[in-house]
Amino acid sequence: DHNLSNALIESMNTKIRQITRTAYGFTNPEALIALALLAHGGHRPQLPGRTTHG
């Protein structure tokens, strides 16, 4: 009726499940949260010894 889809939500859910599998064995949930934020949160911290382009 409204021409809406939950495809974007399902896509993000799948990506977070993949990150959860990658983080298996980590000792605290903060590591999983950090991986999810780095992968999909828009955070791009400056890495030591690297220059930015742009």
PDB file of N, CA and C in Angstrom:
ATOM      1  N   ASP A   1       0.811  -1.197   0.000  1.00  0.00           N
ATOM      2  CA  ASP A   1       0.000   0.000   0.000  1.00  0.00           C
ATOM      3  C   ASP A   1       0.857   1.265   0.000  1.00  0.00           C
ATOM      4  N   HIS A   2       1.901   1.282   0.861  1.00  0.00           N
ATOM      5  CA  HIS A   2       2.691   2.493   1.032  1.00  0.00           C
ATOM      6  C   HIS A   2       4.018   2.441   0.283  1.00  0.00           C
ATOM      7  N   ASN A   3       4.266   1.336  -0.419  1.00  0.00           N
ATOM      8  CA  ASN A   3       5.482   1.187  -1.219  1.00  0.00           C
ATOM      9  C   ASN A   3       6.753   1.298  -0.361  1.00  0.00           C
ATOM     10  N   LEU A   4       6.713   0.705   0.862  1.00  0.00           N
ATOM     11  CA  LEU A   4       7.847   0.711   1.773  1.00  0.00           C
ATOM     12  C   LEU A   4       8.453  -0.681   1.845  1.00  0.00           C
ATOM     13  N   SER A   5       9.729  -0.734   2.196  1.00  0.00           N
ATOM     14  CA  SER A   5      10.419  -2.007   2.310  1.00  0.00           C
ATOM     15  C   SER A   5      11.331  -1.971   3.524  1.00  0.00           C
ATOM     16  N   ASN A   6      11.542  -3.116   4.138  1.00  0.00           N
ATOM     17  CA  ASN A   6      12.470  -3.196   5.259  1.00  0.00           C
ATOM     18  C   ASN A   6      13.814  -3.769   4.816  1.00  0.00           C
ATOM     19  N   ALA A   7      14.129  -3.670   3.549  1.00  0.00           N
ATOM     20  CA  ALA A   7      15.354  -4.241   3.006  1.00  0.00           C
ATOM     21  C   ALA A   7      16.605  -3.616   3.630  1.00  0.00           C
ATOM     22  N   LEU A   8      16.612  -2.317   3.870  1.00  0.00           N
ATOM     23  CA  LEU A   8      17.782  -1.673   4.472  1.00  0.00           C
ATOM     24  C   LEU A   8      18.020  -2.170   5.893  1.00  0.00           C
ATOM     25  N   ILE A   9      16.950  -2.346   6.649  1.00  0.00           N
ATOM     26  CA  ILE A   9      17.070  -2.849   8.018  1.00  0.00           C
ATOM     27  C   ILE A   9      17.584  -4.284   7.997  1.00  0.00           C
ATOM     28  N   GLU A  10      17.056  -5.113   7.132  1.00  0.00           N
ATOM     29  CA  GLU A  10      17.497  -6.503   7.041  1.00  0.00           C
ATOM     30  C   GLU A  10      18.952  -6.586   6.594  1.00  0.00           C
ATOM     31  N   SER A  11      19.366  -5.699   5.709  1.00  0.00           N
ATOM     32  CA  SER A  11      20.756  -5.674   5.260  1.00  0.00           C
ATOM     33  C   SER A  11      21.688  -5.344   6.417  1.00  0.00           C
ATOM     34  N   MET A  12      21.343  -4.335   7.212  1.00  0.00           N
ATOM     35  CA  MET A  12      22.159  -3.971   8.369  1.00  0.00           C
ATOM     36  C   MET A  12      22.184  -5.104   9.387  1.00  0.00           C
ATOM     37  N   ASN A  13      21.055  -5.761   9.586  1.00  0.00           N
ATOM     38  CA  ASN A  13      20.983  -6.894  10.500  1.00  0.00           C
ATOM     39  C   ASN A  13      21.939  -8.002  10.070  1.00  0.00           C
ATOM     40  N   THR A  14      21.981  -8.295   8.781  1.00  0.00           N
ATOM     41  CA  THR A  14      22.879  -9.315   8.261  1.00  0.00           C
ATOM     42  C   THR A  14      24.337  -8.919   8.460  1.00  0.00           C
ATOM     43  N   LYS A  15      24.666  -7.661   8.225  1.00  0.00           N
ATOM     44  CA  LYS A  15      26.039  -7.198   8.402  1.00  0.00           C
ATOM     45  C   LYS A  15      26.468  -7.290   9.864  1.00  0.00           C
ATOM     46  N   ILE A  16      25.568  -6.950  10.780  1.00  0.00           N
ATOM     47  CA  ILE A  16      25.904  -7.033  12.201  1.00  0.00           C
ATOM     48  C   ILE A  16      26.047  -8.488  12.632  1.00  0.00           C
ATOM     49  N   ARG A  17      25.256  -9.381  12.077  1.00  0.00           N
ATOM     50  CA  ARG A  17      25.423 -10.812  12.372  1.00  0.00           C
ATOM     51  C   ARG A  17      26.788 -11.310  11.894  1.00  0.00           C
ATOM     52  N   GLN A  18      27.248 -10.838  10.751  1.00  0.00           N
ATOM     53  CA  GLN A  18      28.579 -11.207  10.272  1.00  0.00           C
ATOM     54  C   GLN A  18      29.664 -10.688  11.206  1.00  0.00           C
ATOM     55  N   ILE A  19      29.497  -9.472  11.690  1.00  0.00           N
ATOM     56  CA  ILE A  19      30.458  -8.912  12.639  1.00  0.00           C
ATOM     57  C   ILE A  19      30.443  -9.723  13.933  1.00  0.00           C
ATOM     58  N   THR A  20      29.266 -10.172  14.356  1.00  0.00           N
ATOM     59  CA  THR A  20      29.155 -10.991  15.560  1.00  0.00           C
ATOM     60  C   THR A  20      29.933 -12.292  15.397  1.00  0.00           C
ATOM     61  N   ARG A  21      29.858 -12.894  14.234  1.00  0.00           N
ATOM     62  CA  ARG A  21      30.641 -14.118  13.986  1.00  0.00           C
ATOM     63  C   ARG A  21      32.131 -13.820  14.003  1.00  0.00           C
ATOM     64  N   THR A  22      32.531 -12.676  13.478  1.00  0.00           N
ATOM     65  CA  THR A  22      33.936 -12.288  13.502  1.00  0.00           C
ATOM     66  C   THR A  22      34.414 -12.074  14.932  1.00  0.00           C
ATOM     67  N   ALA A  23      33.552 -11.523  15.782  1.00  0.00           N
ATOM     68  CA  ALA A  23      33.926 -11.194  17.152  1.00  0.00           C
ATOM     69  C   ALA A  23      33.781 -12.373  18.105  1.00  0.00           C
ATOM     70  N   TYR A  24      33.443 -13.550  17.592  1.00  0.00           N
ATOM     71  CA  TYR A  24      33.285 -14.718  18.455  1.00  0.00           C
ATOM     72  C   TYR A  24      34.592 -14.991  19.200  1.00  0.00           C
ATOM     73  N   GLY A  25      34.494 -15.146  20.499  1.00  0.00           N
ATOM     74  CA  GLY A  25      35.669 -15.392  21.310  1.00  0.00           C
ATOM     75  C   GLY A  25      36.190 -14.157  22.010  1.00  0.00           C
ATOM     76  N   PHE A  26      35.693 -12.982  21.645  1.00  0.00           N
ATOM     77  CA  PHE A  26      36.085 -11.775  22.366  1.00  0.00           C
ATOM     78  C   PHE A  26      35.544 -11.873  23.783  1.00  0.00           C
ATOM     79  N   THR A  27      36.248 -11.294  24.737  1.00  0.00           N
ATOM     80  CA  THR A  27      35.871 -11.464  26.137  1.00  0.00           C
ATOM     81  C   THR A  27      34.836 -10.466  26.626  1.00  0.00           C
ATOM     82  N   ASN A  28      34.607  -9.393  25.886  1.00  0.00           N
ATOM     83  CA  ASN A  28      33.614  -8.421  26.351  1.00  0.00           C
ATOM     84  C   ASN A  28      32.769  -7.913  25.179  1.00  0.00           C
ATOM     85  N   PRO A  29      31.537  -7.524  25.467  1.00  0.00           N
ATOM     86  CA  PRO A  29      30.650  -7.051  24.394  1.00  0.00           C
ATOM     87  C   PRO A  29      31.058  -5.703  23.817  1.00  0.00           C
ATOM     88  N   GLU A  30      31.872  -4.936  24.538  1.00  0.00           N
ATOM     89  CA  GLU A  30      32.305  -3.639  24.026  1.00  0.00           C
ATOM     90  C   GLU A  30      33.115  -3.794  22.739  1.00  0.00           C
ATOM     91  N   ALA A  31      33.844  -4.894  22.605  1.00  0.00           N
ATOM     92  CA  ALA A  31      34.616  -5.138  21.385  1.00  0.00           C
ATOM     93  C   ALA A  31      33.688  -5.322  20.184  1.00  0.00           C
ATOM     94  N   LEU A  32      32.597  -6.046  20.374  1.00  0.00           N
ATOM     95  CA  LEU A  32      31.619  -6.226  19.296  1.00  0.00           C
ATOM     96  C   LEU A  32      30.988  -4.890  18.922  1.00  0.00           C
ATOM     97  N   ILE A  33      30.640  -4.097  19.920  1.00  0.00           N
ATOM     98  CA  ILE A  33      30.042  -2.792  19.655  1.00  0.00           C
ATOM     99  C   ILE A  33      31.022  -1.906  18.902  1.00  0.00           C
ATOM    100  N   ALA A  34      32.289  -1.938  19.292  1.00  0.00           N
ATOM    101  CA  ALA A  34      33.306  -1.134  18.613  1.00  0.00           C
ATOM    102  C   ALA A  34      33.470  -1.564  17.163  1.00  0.00           C
ATOM    103  N   LEU A  35      33.476  -2.873  16.905  1.00  0.00           N
ATOM    104  CA  LEU A  35      33.574  -3.350  15.519  1.00  0.00           C
ATOM    105  C   LEU A  35      32.384  -2.874  14.693  1.00  0.00           C
ATOM    106  N   ALA A  36      31.187  -2.961  15.250  1.00  0.00           N
ATOM    107  CA  ALA A  36      29.989  -2.534  14.517  1.00  0.00           C
ATOM    108  C   ALA A  36      30.039  -1.041  14.227  1.00  0.00           C
ATOM    109  N   LEU A  37      30.467  -0.240  15.199  1.00  0.00           N
ATOM    110  CA  LEU A  37      30.544   1.206  14.975  1.00  0.00           C
ATOM    111  C   LEU A  37      31.611   1.556  13.950  1.00  0.00           C
ATOM    112  N   LEU A  38      32.743   0.865  13.993  1.00  0.00           N
ATOM    113  CA  LEU A  38      33.787   1.141  13.011  1.00  0.00           C
ATOM    114  C   LEU A  38      33.354   0.738  11.608  1.00  0.00           C
ATOM    115  N   ALA A  39      32.647  -0.370  11.499  1.00  0.00           N
ATOM    116  CA  ALA A  39      32.249  -0.860  10.183  1.00  0.00           C
ATOM    117  C   ALA A  39      31.098  -0.060   9.585  1.00  0.00           C
ATOM    118  N   HIS A  40      30.153   0.368  10.430  1.00  0.00           N
ATOM    119  CA  HIS A  40      28.927   0.953   9.872  1.00  0.00           C
ATOM    120  C   HIS A  40      28.471   2.231  10.558  1.00  0.00           C
ATOM    121  N   GLY A  41      29.253   2.753  11.472  1.00  0.00           N
ATOM    122  CA  GLY A  41      28.824   3.930  12.203  1.00  0.00           C
ATOM    123  C   GLY A  41      29.295   5.237  11.609  1.00  0.00           C
ATOM    124  N   GLY A  42      30.090   5.182  10.562  1.00  0.00           N
ATOM    125  CA  GLY A  42      30.575   6.404   9.955  1.00  0.00           C
ATOM    126  C   GLY A  42      31.824   6.962  10.619  1.00  0.00           C
ATOM    127  N   HIS A  43      32.334   6.278  11.632  1.00  0.00           N
ATOM    128  CA  HIS A  43      33.536   6.734  12.320  1.00  0.00           C
ATOM    129  C   HIS A  43      34.766   6.273  11.551  1.00  0.00           C
ATOM    130  N   ARG A  44      35.638   7.188  11.235  1.00  0.00           N
ATOM    131  CA  ARG A  44      36.880   6.870  10.532  1.00  0.00           C
ATOM    132  C   ARG A  44      38.034   7.498  11.299  1.00  0.00           C
ATOM    133  N   PRO A  45      38.507   6.836  12.355  1.00  0.00           N
ATOM    134  CA  PRO A  45      39.593   7.427  13.137  1.00  0.00           C
ATOM    135  C   PRO A  45      40.883   7.496  12.336  1.00  0.00           C
ATOM    136  N   GLN A  46      41.686   8.497  12.631  1.00  0.00           N
ATOM    137  CA  GLN A  46      42.982   8.642  11.981  1.00  0.00           C
ATOM    138  C   GLN A  46      43.916   7.556  12.506  1.00  0.00           C
ATOM    139  N   LEU A  47      44.486   6.788  11.622  1.00  0.00           N
ATOM    140  CA  LEU A  47      45.403   5.734  12.004  1.00  0.00           C
ATOM    141  C   LEU A  47      46.819   6.294  12.046  1.00  0.00           C
ATOM    142  N   PRO A  48      47.623   5.825  13.002  1.00  0.00           N
ATOM    143  CA  PRO A  48      48.992   6.343  13.113  1.00  0.00           C
ATOM    144  C   PRO A  48      49.816   6.005  11.872  1.00  0.00           C
ATOM    145  N   GLY A  49      50.570   6.967  11.407  1.00  0.00           N
ATOM    146  CA  GLY A  49      51.457   6.731  10.268  1.00  0.00           C
ATOM    147  C   GLY A  49      50.781   6.766   8.918  1.00  0.00           C
ATOM    148  N   ARG A  50      49.518   7.141   8.866  1.00  0.00           N
ATOM    149  CA  ARG A  50      48.800   7.185   7.594  1.00  0.00           C
ATOM    150  C   ARG A  50      48.385   8.610   7.287  1.00  0.00           C
ATOM    151  N   THR A  51      48.371   8.952   6.022  1.00  0.00           N
ATOM    152  CA  THR A  51      47.934  10.282   5.621  1.00  0.00           C
ATOM    153  C   THR A  51      46.535  10.186   5.029  1.00  0.00           C
ATOM    154  N   THR A  52      45.795  11.259   5.149  1.00  0.00           N
ATOM    155  CA  THR A  52      44.433  11.278   4.587  1.00  0.00           C
ATOM    156  C   THR A  52      44.491  11.856   3.189  1.00  0.00           C
ATOM    157  N   HIS A  53      43.621  11.339   2.341  1.00  0.00           N
ATOM    158  CA  HIS A  53      43.508  11.839   0.970  1.00  0.00           C
ATOM    159  C   HIS A  53      42.163  12.514   0.840  1.00  0.00           C
ATOM    160  N   GLY A  54      42.145  13.701   0.314  1.00  0.00           N
ATOM    161  CA  GLY A  54      40.872  14.338   0.085  1.00  0.00           C
ATOM    162  C   GLY A  54      40.841  15.703   0.458  1.00  0.00           C
TER     163      GLY A  54
END
